[in-house]
Amino acid sequence: MSDSQRQPPVPPDENPWRAAGLVTALGAELAVCVGLGWWIGAAIDRDNGTDYAYLVGLGVGLVAGIGSAVALIRKYAGERRK
């Protein structure tokens, strides 16, 4: 193979598998936080006979998931700057 056909190796911070892992982790983390918030809210509704705690749980789970995703992105971006 001639040198003109060779492509330079991908730098570690541009690895597509690492990016795919980050996107997968973000989706899973958000889904778990929202699902857990809904589950806890539904349990509170079941125990207290209310009809709104699952919505509060969804909201809290969404906020927690977004906060966790932001922290994960900051950690990922901080590793790339080094």
PDB file of N, CA and C in Angstrom:
ATOM      1  N   MET A   1       0.852  -1.163   0.000  1.00  0.00           N
ATOM      2  CA  MET A   1       0.000   0.000   0.000  1.00  0.00           C
ATOM      3  C   MET A   1       0.899   1.228   0.000  1.00  0.00           C
ATOM      4  N   SER A   2       0.612   2.176  -0.829  1.00  0.00           N
ATOM      5  CA  SER A   2       1.446   3.368  -0.890  1.00  0.00           C
ATOM      6  C   SER A   2       1.095   4.315   0.255  1.00  0.00           C
ATOM      7  N   ASP A   3       1.990   5.230   0.521  1.00  0.00           N
ATOM      8  CA  ASP A   3       1.778   6.169   1.622  1.00  0.00           C
ATOM      9  C   ASP A   3       0.617   7.118   1.363  1.00  0.00           C
ATOM     10  N   SER A   4       0.291   7.372   0.103  1.00  0.00           N
ATOM     11  CA  SER A   4      -0.803   8.292  -0.205  1.00  0.00           C
ATOM     12  C   SER A   4      -2.173   7.691   0.130  1.00  0.00           C
ATOM     13  N   GLN A   5      -2.277   6.368   0.194  1.00  0.00           N
ATOM     14  CA  GLN A   5      -3.555   5.730   0.495  1.00  0.00           C
ATOM     15  C   GLN A   5      -3.756   5.479   1.985  1.00  0.00           C
ATOM     16  N   ARG A   6      -2.734   5.592   2.763  1.00  0.00           N
ATOM     17  CA  ARG A   6      -2.865   5.376   4.206  1.00  0.00           C
ATOM     18  C   ARG A   6      -3.474   6.602   4.868  1.00  0.00           C
ATOM     19  N   GLN A   7      -4.332   6.337   5.804  1.00  0.00           N
ATOM     20  CA  GLN A   7      -4.932   7.429   6.560  1.00  0.00           C
ATOM     21  C   GLN A   7      -4.261   7.495   7.918  1.00  0.00           C
ATOM     22  N   PRO A   8      -4.095   8.707   8.443  1.00  0.00           N
ATOM     23  CA  PRO A   8      -3.464   8.817   9.762  1.00  0.00           C
ATOM     24  C   PRO A   8      -4.357   8.185  10.825  1.00  0.00           C
ATOM     25  N   PRO A   9      -3.773   7.679  11.896  1.00  0.00           N
ATOM     26  CA  PRO A   9      -4.602   7.083  12.955  1.00  0.00           C
ATOM     27  C   PRO A   9      -5.492   8.135  13.599  1.00  0.00           C
ATOM     28  N   VAL A  10      -6.640   7.675  14.073  1.00  0.00           N
ATOM     29  CA  VAL A  10      -7.601   8.575  14.712  1.00  0.00           C
ATOM     30  C   VAL A  10      -7.058   8.963  16.080  1.00  0.00           C
ATOM     31  N   PRO A  11      -7.008  10.274  16.383  1.00  0.00           N
ATOM     32  CA  PRO A  11      -6.565  10.684  17.725  1.00  0.00           C
ATOM     33  C   PRO A  11      -7.501  10.117  18.787  1.00  0.00           C
ATOM     34  N   PRO A  12      -7.015   9.871  19.992  1.00  0.00           N
ATOM     35  CA  PRO A  12      -7.860   9.250  21.027  1.00  0.00           C
ATOM     36  C   PRO A  12      -9.113  10.047  21.360  1.00  0.00           C
ATOM     37  N   ASP A  13      -9.059  11.377  21.237  1.00  0.00           N
ATOM     38  CA  ASP A  13     -10.236  12.170  21.594  1.00  0.00           C
ATOM     39  C   ASP A  13     -11.275  12.209  20.477  1.00  0.00           C
ATOM     40  N   GLU A  14     -10.983  11.663  19.321  1.00  0.00           N
ATOM     41  CA  GLU A  14     -11.952  11.616  18.231  1.00  0.00           C
ATOM     42  C   GLU A  14     -12.365  10.176  17.907  1.00  0.00           C
ATOM     43  N   ASN A  15     -12.227   9.305  18.850  1.00  0.00           N
ATOM     44  CA  ASN A  15     -12.574   7.905  18.666  1.00  0.00           C
ATOM     45  C   ASN A  15     -14.098   7.774  18.569  1.00  0.00           C
ATOM     46  N   PRO A  16     -14.635   7.234  17.488  1.00  0.00           N
ATOM     47  CA  PRO A  16     -16.092   7.132  17.364  1.00  0.00           C
ATOM     48  C   PRO A  16     -16.722   6.186  18.387  1.00  0.00           C
ATOM     49  N   TRP A  17     -15.991   5.175  18.832  1.00  0.00           N
ATOM     50  CA  TRP A  17     -16.536   4.264  19.846  1.00  0.00           C
ATOM     51  C   TRP A  17     -16.685   4.967  21.182  1.00  0.00           C
ATOM     52  N   ARG A  18     -15.773   5.869  21.483  1.00  0.00           N
ATOM     53  CA  ARG A  18     -15.876   6.616  22.733  1.00  0.00           C
ATOM     54  C   ARG A  18     -17.088   7.559  22.686  1.00  0.00           C
ATOM     55  N   ALA A  19     -17.301   8.183  21.541  1.00  0.00           N
ATOM     56  CA  ALA A  19     -18.470   9.055  21.376  1.00  0.00           C
ATOM     57  C   ALA A  19     -19.761   8.244  21.466  1.00  0.00           C
ATOM     58  N   ALA A  20     -19.776   7.067  20.859  1.00  0.00           N
ATOM     59  CA  ALA A  20     -20.962   6.208  20.937  1.00  0.00           C
ATOM     60  C   ALA A  20     -21.227   5.779  22.382  1.00  0.00           C
ATOM     61  N   GLY A  21     -20.169   5.501  23.103  1.00  0.00           N
ATOM     62  CA  GLY A  21     -20.324   5.146  24.520  1.00  0.00           C
ATOM     63  C   GLY A  21     -20.897   6.284  25.331  1.00  0.00           C
ATOM     64  N   LEU A  22     -20.457   7.508  25.036  1.00  0.00           N
ATOM     65  CA  LEU A  22     -20.978   8.674  25.747  1.00  0.00           C
ATOM     66  C   LEU A  22     -22.464   8.856  25.472  1.00  0.00           C
ATOM     67  N   VAL A  23     -22.862   8.744  24.221  1.00  0.00           N
ATOM     68  CA  VAL A  23     -24.275   8.916  23.862  1.00  0.00           C
ATOM     69  C   VAL A  23     -25.123   7.824  24.509  1.00  0.00           C
ATOM     70  N   THR A  24     -24.625   6.608  24.511  1.00  0.00           N
ATOM     71  CA  THR A  24     -25.353   5.504  25.148  1.00  0.00           C
ATOM     72  C   THR A  24     -25.483   5.735  26.649  1.00  0.00           C
ATOM     73  N   ALA A  25     -24.404   6.174  27.271  1.00  0.00           N
ATOM     74  CA  ALA A  25     -24.439   6.437  28.711  1.00  0.00           C
ATOM     75  C   ALA A  25     -25.411   7.558  29.041  1.00  0.00           C
ATOM     76  N   LEU A  26     -25.450   8.587  28.215  1.00  0.00           N
ATOM     77  CA  LEU A  26     -26.376   9.693  28.459  1.00  0.00           C
ATOM     78  C   LEU A  26     -27.828   9.221  28.375  1.00  0.00           C
ATOM     79  N   GLY A  27     -28.140   8.442  27.352  1.00  0.00           N
ATOM     80  CA  GLY A  27     -29.507   7.949  27.203  1.00  0.00           C
ATOM     81  C   GLY A  27     -29.920   7.017  28.326  1.00  0.00           C
ATOM     82  N   ALA A  28     -29.022   6.124  28.687  1.00  0.00           N
ATOM     83  CA  ALA A  28     -29.337   5.175  29.761  1.00  0.00           C
ATOM     84  C   ALA A  28     -29.493   5.888  31.094  1.00  0.00           C
ATOM     85  N   GLU A  29     -28.618   6.843  31.347  1.00  0.00           N
ATOM     86  CA  GLU A  29     -28.678   7.569  32.604  1.00  0.00           C
ATOM     87  C   GLU A  29     -29.968   8.374  32.727  1.00  0.00           C
ATOM     88  N   LEU A  30     -30.355   9.029  31.656  1.00  0.00           N
ATOM     89  CA  LEU A  30     -31.588   9.808  31.671  1.00  0.00           C
ATOM     90  C   LEU A  30     -32.798   8.894  31.835  1.00  0.00           C
ATOM     91  N   ALA A  31     -32.805   7.772  31.138  1.00  0.00           N
ATOM     92  CA  ALA A  31     -33.931   6.837  31.238  1.00  0.00           C
ATOM     93  C   ALA A  31     -34.052   6.255  32.650  1.00  0.00           C
ATOM     94  N   VAL A  32     -32.929   5.904  33.249  1.00  0.00           N
ATOM     95  CA  VAL A  32     -32.964   5.340  34.607  1.00  0.00           C
ATOM     96  C   VAL A  32     -33.453   6.373  35.609  1.00  0.00           C
ATOM     97  N   CYS A  33     -32.966   7.606  35.502  1.00  0.00           N
ATOM     98  CA  CYS A  33     -33.385   8.645  36.451  1.00  0.00           C
ATOM     99  C   CYS A  33     -34.878   8.946  36.331  1.00  0.00           C
ATOM    100  N   VAL A  34     -35.370   9.076  35.111  1.00  0.00           N
ATOM    101  CA  VAL A  34     -36.798   9.357  34.909  1.00  0.00           C
ATOM    102  C   VAL A  34     -37.639   8.158  35.352  1.00  0.00           C
ATOM    103  N   GLY A  35     -37.218   6.953  34.991  1.00  0.00           N
ATOM    104  CA  GLY A  35     -37.960   5.762  35.402  1.00  0.00           C
ATOM    105  C   GLY A  35     -37.989   5.578  36.913  1.00  0.00           C
ATOM    106  N   LEU A  36     -36.871   5.826  37.541  1.00  0.00           N
ATOM    107  CA  LEU A  36     -36.814   5.704  39.002  1.00  0.00           C
ATOM    108  C   LEU A  36     -37.687   6.763  39.674  1.00  0.00           C
ATOM    109  N   GLY A  37     -37.669   7.984  39.139  1.00  0.00           N
ATOM    110  CA  GLY A  37     -38.530   9.034  39.691  1.00  0.00           C
ATOM    111  C   GLY A  37     -39.996   8.687  39.546  1.00  0.00           C
ATOM    112  N   TRP A  38     -40.380   8.153  38.377  1.00  0.00           N
ATOM    113  CA  TRP A  38     -41.768   7.741  38.182  1.00  0.00           C
ATOM    114  C   TRP A  38     -42.138   6.612  39.134  1.00  0.00           C
ATOM    115  N   TRP A  39     -41.244   5.634  39.278  1.00  0.00           N
ATOM    116  CA  TRP A  39     -41.533   4.488  40.131  1.00  0.00           C
ATOM    117  C   TRP A  39     -41.720   4.911  41.600  1.00  0.00           C
ATOM    118  N   ILE A  40     -40.843   5.772  42.082  1.00  0.00           N
ATOM    119  CA  ILE A  40     -40.962   6.249  43.467  1.00  0.00           C
ATOM    120  C   ILE A  40     -42.245   7.066  43.623  1.00  0.00           C
ATOM    121  N   GLY A  41     -42.544   7.929  42.649  1.00  0.00           N
ATOM    122  CA  GLY A  41     -43.783   8.711  42.714  1.00  0.00           C
ATOM    123  C   GLY A  41     -45.020   7.829  42.678  1.00  0.00           C
ATOM    124  N   ALA A  42     -45.002   6.785  41.845  1.00  0.00           N
ATOM    125  CA  ALA A  42     -46.148   5.873  41.788  1.00  0.00           C
ATOM    126  C   ALA A  42     -46.308   5.112  43.102  1.00  0.00           C
ATOM    127  N   ALA A  43     -45.195   4.757  43.730  1.00  0.00           N
ATOM    128  CA  ALA A  43     -45.273   4.074  45.029  1.00  0.00           C
ATOM    129  C   ALA A  43     -45.862   5.003  46.088  1.00  0.00           C
ATOM    130  N   ILE A  44     -45.478   6.268  46.044  1.00  0.00           N
ATOM    131  CA  ILE A  44     -46.045   7.237  46.996  1.00  0.00           C
ATOM    132  C   ILE A  44     -47.540   7.407  46.727  1.00  0.00           C
ATOM    133  N   ASP A  45     -47.926   7.477  45.451  1.00  0.00           N
ATOM    134  CA  ASP A  45     -49.356   7.559  45.114  1.00  0.00           C
ATOM    135  C   ASP A  45     -50.125   6.358  45.636  1.00  0.00           C
ATOM    136  N   ARG A  46     -49.565   5.182  45.454  1.00  0.00           N
ATOM    137  CA  ARG A  46     -50.231   3.948  45.890  1.00  0.00           C
ATOM    138  C   ARG A  46     -50.398   3.925  47.406  1.00  0.00           C
ATOM    139  N   ASP A  47     -49.365   4.358  48.121  1.00  0.00           N
ATOM    140  CA  ASP A  47     -49.420   4.319  49.591  1.00  0.00           C
ATOM    141  C   ASP A  47     -50.319   5.396  50.180  1.00  0.00           C
ATOM    142  N   ASN A  48     -50.366   6.562  49.553  1.00  0.00           N
ATOM    143  CA  ASN A  48     -51.112   7.690  50.125  1.00  0.00           C
ATOM    144  C   ASN A  48     -52.455   7.945  49.444  1.00  0.00           C
ATOM    145  N   GLY A  49     -52.732   7.252  48.357  1.00  0.00           N
ATOM    146  CA  GLY A  49     -54.001   7.445  47.665  1.00  0.00           C
ATOM    147  C   GLY A  49     -54.060   8.745  46.877  1.00  0.00           C
ATOM    148  N   THR A  50     -52.924   9.272  46.486  1.00  0.00           N
ATOM    149  CA  THR A  50     -52.891  10.507  45.710  1.00  0.00           C
ATOM    150  C   THR A  50     -52.798  10.192  44.217  1.00  0.00           C
ATOM    151  N   ASP A  51     -52.904  11.241  43.409  1.00  0.00           N
ATOM    152  CA  ASP A  51     -52.841  11.058  41.959  1.00  0.00           C
ATOM    153  C   ASP A  51     -51.793  11.930  41.283  1.00  0.00           C
ATOM    154  N   TYR A  52     -50.948  12.595  42.012  1.00  0.00           N
ATOM    155  CA  TYR A  52     -50.025  13.545  41.411  1.00  0.00           C
ATOM    156  C   TYR A  52     -48.549  13.284  41.732  1.00  0.00           C
ATOM    157  N   ALA A  53     -48.254  12.429  42.665  1.00  0.00           N
ATOM    158  CA  ALA A  53     -46.857  12.225  43.081  1.00  0.00           C
ATOM    159  C   ALA A  53     -46.016  11.617  41.955  1.00  0.00           C
ATOM    160  N   TYR A  54     -46.628  10.838  41.083  1.00  0.00           N
ATOM    161  CA  TYR A  54     -45.846  10.275  39.975  1.00  0.00           C
ATOM    162  C   TYR A  54     -45.362  11.384  39.041  1.00  0.00           C
ATOM    163  N   LEU A  55     -46.163  12.442  38.886  1.00  0.00           N
ATOM    164  CA  LEU A  55     -45.724  13.573  38.064  1.00  0.00           C
ATOM    165  C   LEU A  55     -44.568  14.320  38.724  1.00  0.00           C
ATOM    166  N   VAL A  56     -44.650  14.475  40.020  1.00  0.00           N
ATOM    167  CA  VAL A  56     -43.548  15.106  40.755  1.00  0.00           C
ATOM    168  C   VAL A  56     -42.298  14.244  40.628  1.00  0.00           C
ATOM    169  N   GLY A  57     -42.466  12.939  40.755  1.00  0.00           N
ATOM    170  CA  GLY A  57     -41.334  12.021  40.609  1.00  0.00           C
ATOM    171  C   GLY A  57     -40.723  12.087  39.214  1.00  0.00           C
ATOM    172  N   LEU A  58     -41.575  12.180  38.196  1.00  0.00           N
ATOM    173  CA  LEU A  58     -41.069  12.329  36.827  1.00  0.00           C
ATOM    174  C   LEU A  58     -40.258  13.607  36.686  1.00  0.00           C
ATOM    175  N   GLY A  59     -40.764  14.689  37.239  1.00  0.00           N
ATOM    176  CA  GLY A  59     -40.057  15.971  37.159  1.00  0.00           C
ATOM    177  C   GLY A  59     -38.722  15.943  37.881  1.00  0.00           C
ATOM    178  N   VAL A  60     -38.727  15.390  39.074  1.00  0.00           N
ATOM    179  CA  VAL A  60     -37.483  15.296  39.846  1.00  0.00           C
ATOM    180  C   VAL A  60     -36.496  14.377  39.145  1.00  0.00           C
ATOM    181  N   GLY A  61     -36.981  13.274  38.606  1.00  0.00           N
ATOM    182  CA  GLY A  61     -36.109  12.357  37.871  1.00  0.00           C
ATOM    183  C   GLY A  61     -35.529  12.998  36.624  1.00  0.00           C
ATOM    184  N   LEU A  62     -36.330  13.788  35.925  1.00  0.00           N
ATOM    185  CA  LEU A  62     -35.853  14.475  34.736  1.00  0.00           C
ATOM    186  C   LEU A  62     -34.776  15.497  35.085  1.00  0.00           C
ATOM    187  N   VAL A  63     -35.004  16.264  36.126  1.00  0.00           N
ATOM    188  CA  VAL A  63     -34.003  17.251  36.558  1.00  0.00           C
ATOM    189  C   VAL A  63     -32.721  16.556  37.003  1.00  0.00           C
ATOM    190  N   ALA A  64     -32.857  15.476  37.755  1.00  0.00           N
ATOM    191  CA  ALA A  64     -31.673  14.732  38.196  1.00  0.00           C
ATOM    192  C   ALA A  64     -30.941  14.127  37.007  1.00  0.00           C
ATOM    193  N   GLY A  65     -31.677  13.606  36.041  1.00  0.00           N
ATOM    194  CA  GLY A  65     -31.054  13.025  34.856  1.00  0.00           C
ATOM    195  C   GLY A  65     -30.324  14.057  34.023  1.00  0.00           C
ATOM    196  N   ILE A  66     -30.916  15.227  33.860  1.00  0.00           N
ATOM    197  CA  ILE A  66     -30.261  16.287  33.097  1.00  0.00           C
ATOM    198  C   ILE A  66     -29.016  16.772  33.826  1.00  0.00           C
ATOM    199  N   GLY A  67     -29.107  16.930  35.135  1.00  0.00           N
ATOM    200  CA  GLY A  67     -27.930  17.340  35.909  1.00  0.00           C
ATOM    201  C   GLY A  67     -26.812  16.322  35.831  1.00  0.00           C
ATOM    202  N   SER A  68     -27.163  15.079  35.899  1.00  0.00           N
ATOM    203  CA  SER A  68     -26.171  14.017  35.792  1.00  0.00           C
ATOM    204  C   SER A  68     -25.565  13.962  34.396  1.00  0.00           C
ATOM    205  N   ALA A  69     -26.378  14.186  33.383  1.00  0.00           N
ATOM    206  CA  ALA A  69     -25.878  14.199  32.008  1.00  0.00           C
ATOM    207  C   ALA A  69     -24.926  15.366  31.779  1.00  0.00           C
ATOM    208  N   VAL A  70     -25.247  16.518  32.338  1.00  0.00           N
ATOM    209  CA  VAL A  70     -24.357  17.674  32.221  1.00  0.00           C
ATOM    210  C   VAL A  70     -23.019  17.385  32.891  1.00  0.00           C
ATOM    211  N   ALA A  71     -23.065  16.761  34.061  1.00  0.00           N
ATOM    212  CA  ALA A  71     -21.821  16.415  34.756  1.00  0.00           C
ATOM    213  C   ALA A  71     -21.001  15.420  33.943  1.00  0.00           C
ATOM    214  N   LEU A  72     -21.655  14.459  33.329  1.00  0.00           N
ATOM    215  CA  LEU A  72     -20.953  13.478  32.505  1.00  0.00           C
ATOM    216  C   LEU A  72     -20.321  14.133  31.279  1.00  0.00           C
ATOM    217  N   ILE A  73     -21.035  15.050  30.656  1.00  0.00           N
ATOM    218  CA  ILE A  73     -20.495  15.758  29.490  1.00  0.00           C
ATOM    219  C   ILE A  73     -19.314  16.625  29.894  1.00  0.00           C
ATOM    220  N   ARG A  74     -19.421  17.291  31.038  1.00  0.00           N
ATOM    221  CA  ARG A  74     -18.292  18.110  31.510  1.00  0.00           C
ATOM    222  C   ARG A  74     -17.069  17.254  31.785  1.00  0.00           C
ATOM    223  N   LYS A  75     -17.289  16.089  32.357  1.00  0.00           N
ATOM    224  CA  LYS A  75     -16.164  15.188  32.622  1.00  0.00           C
ATOM    225  C   LYS A  75     -15.539  14.725  31.307  1.00  0.00           C
ATOM    226  N   TYR A  76     -16.363  14.374  30.352  1.00  0.00           N
ATOM    227  CA  TYR A  76     -15.873  13.928  29.041  1.00  0.00           C
ATOM    228  C   TYR A  76     -15.123  15.050  28.327  1.00  0.00           C
ATOM    229  N   ALA A  77     -15.680  16.257  28.353  1.00  0.00           N
ATOM    230  CA  ALA A  77     -15.040  17.399  27.697  1.00  0.00           C
ATOM    231  C   ALA A  77     -13.757  17.789  28.414  1.00  0.00           C
ATOM    232  N   GLY A  78     -13.715  17.631  29.725  1.00  0.00           N
ATOM    233  CA  GLY A  78     -12.503  17.957  30.481  1.00  0.00           C
ATOM    234  C   GLY A  78     -11.379  17.015  30.163  1.00  0.00           C
ATOM    235  N   GLU A  79     -11.682  15.733  29.917  1.00  0.00           N
ATOM    236  CA  GLU A  79     -10.659  14.759  29.547  1.00  0.00           C
ATOM    237  C   GLU A  79     -10.098  15.058  28.162  1.00  0.00           C
ATOM    238  N   ARG A  80     -10.935  15.604  27.283  1.00  0.00           N
ATOM    239  CA  ARG A  80     -10.478  15.882  25.919  1.00  0.00           C
ATOM    240  C   ARG A  80      -9.556  17.092  25.879  1.00  0.00           C
ATOM    241  N   ARG A  81      -9.675  18.024  26.800  1.00  0.00           N
ATOM    242  CA  ARG A  81      -8.864  19.237  26.789  1.00  0.00           C
ATOM    243  C   ARG A  81      -7.431  18.978  27.214  1.00  0.00           C
ATOM    244  N   LYS A  82      -7.222  17.925  27.955  1.00  0.00           N
ATOM    245  CA  LYS A  82      -5.881  17.660  28.493  1.00  0.00           C
ATOM    246  C   LYS A  82      -4.906  17.272  27.424  1.00  0.00           C
TER     247      LYS A  82
END
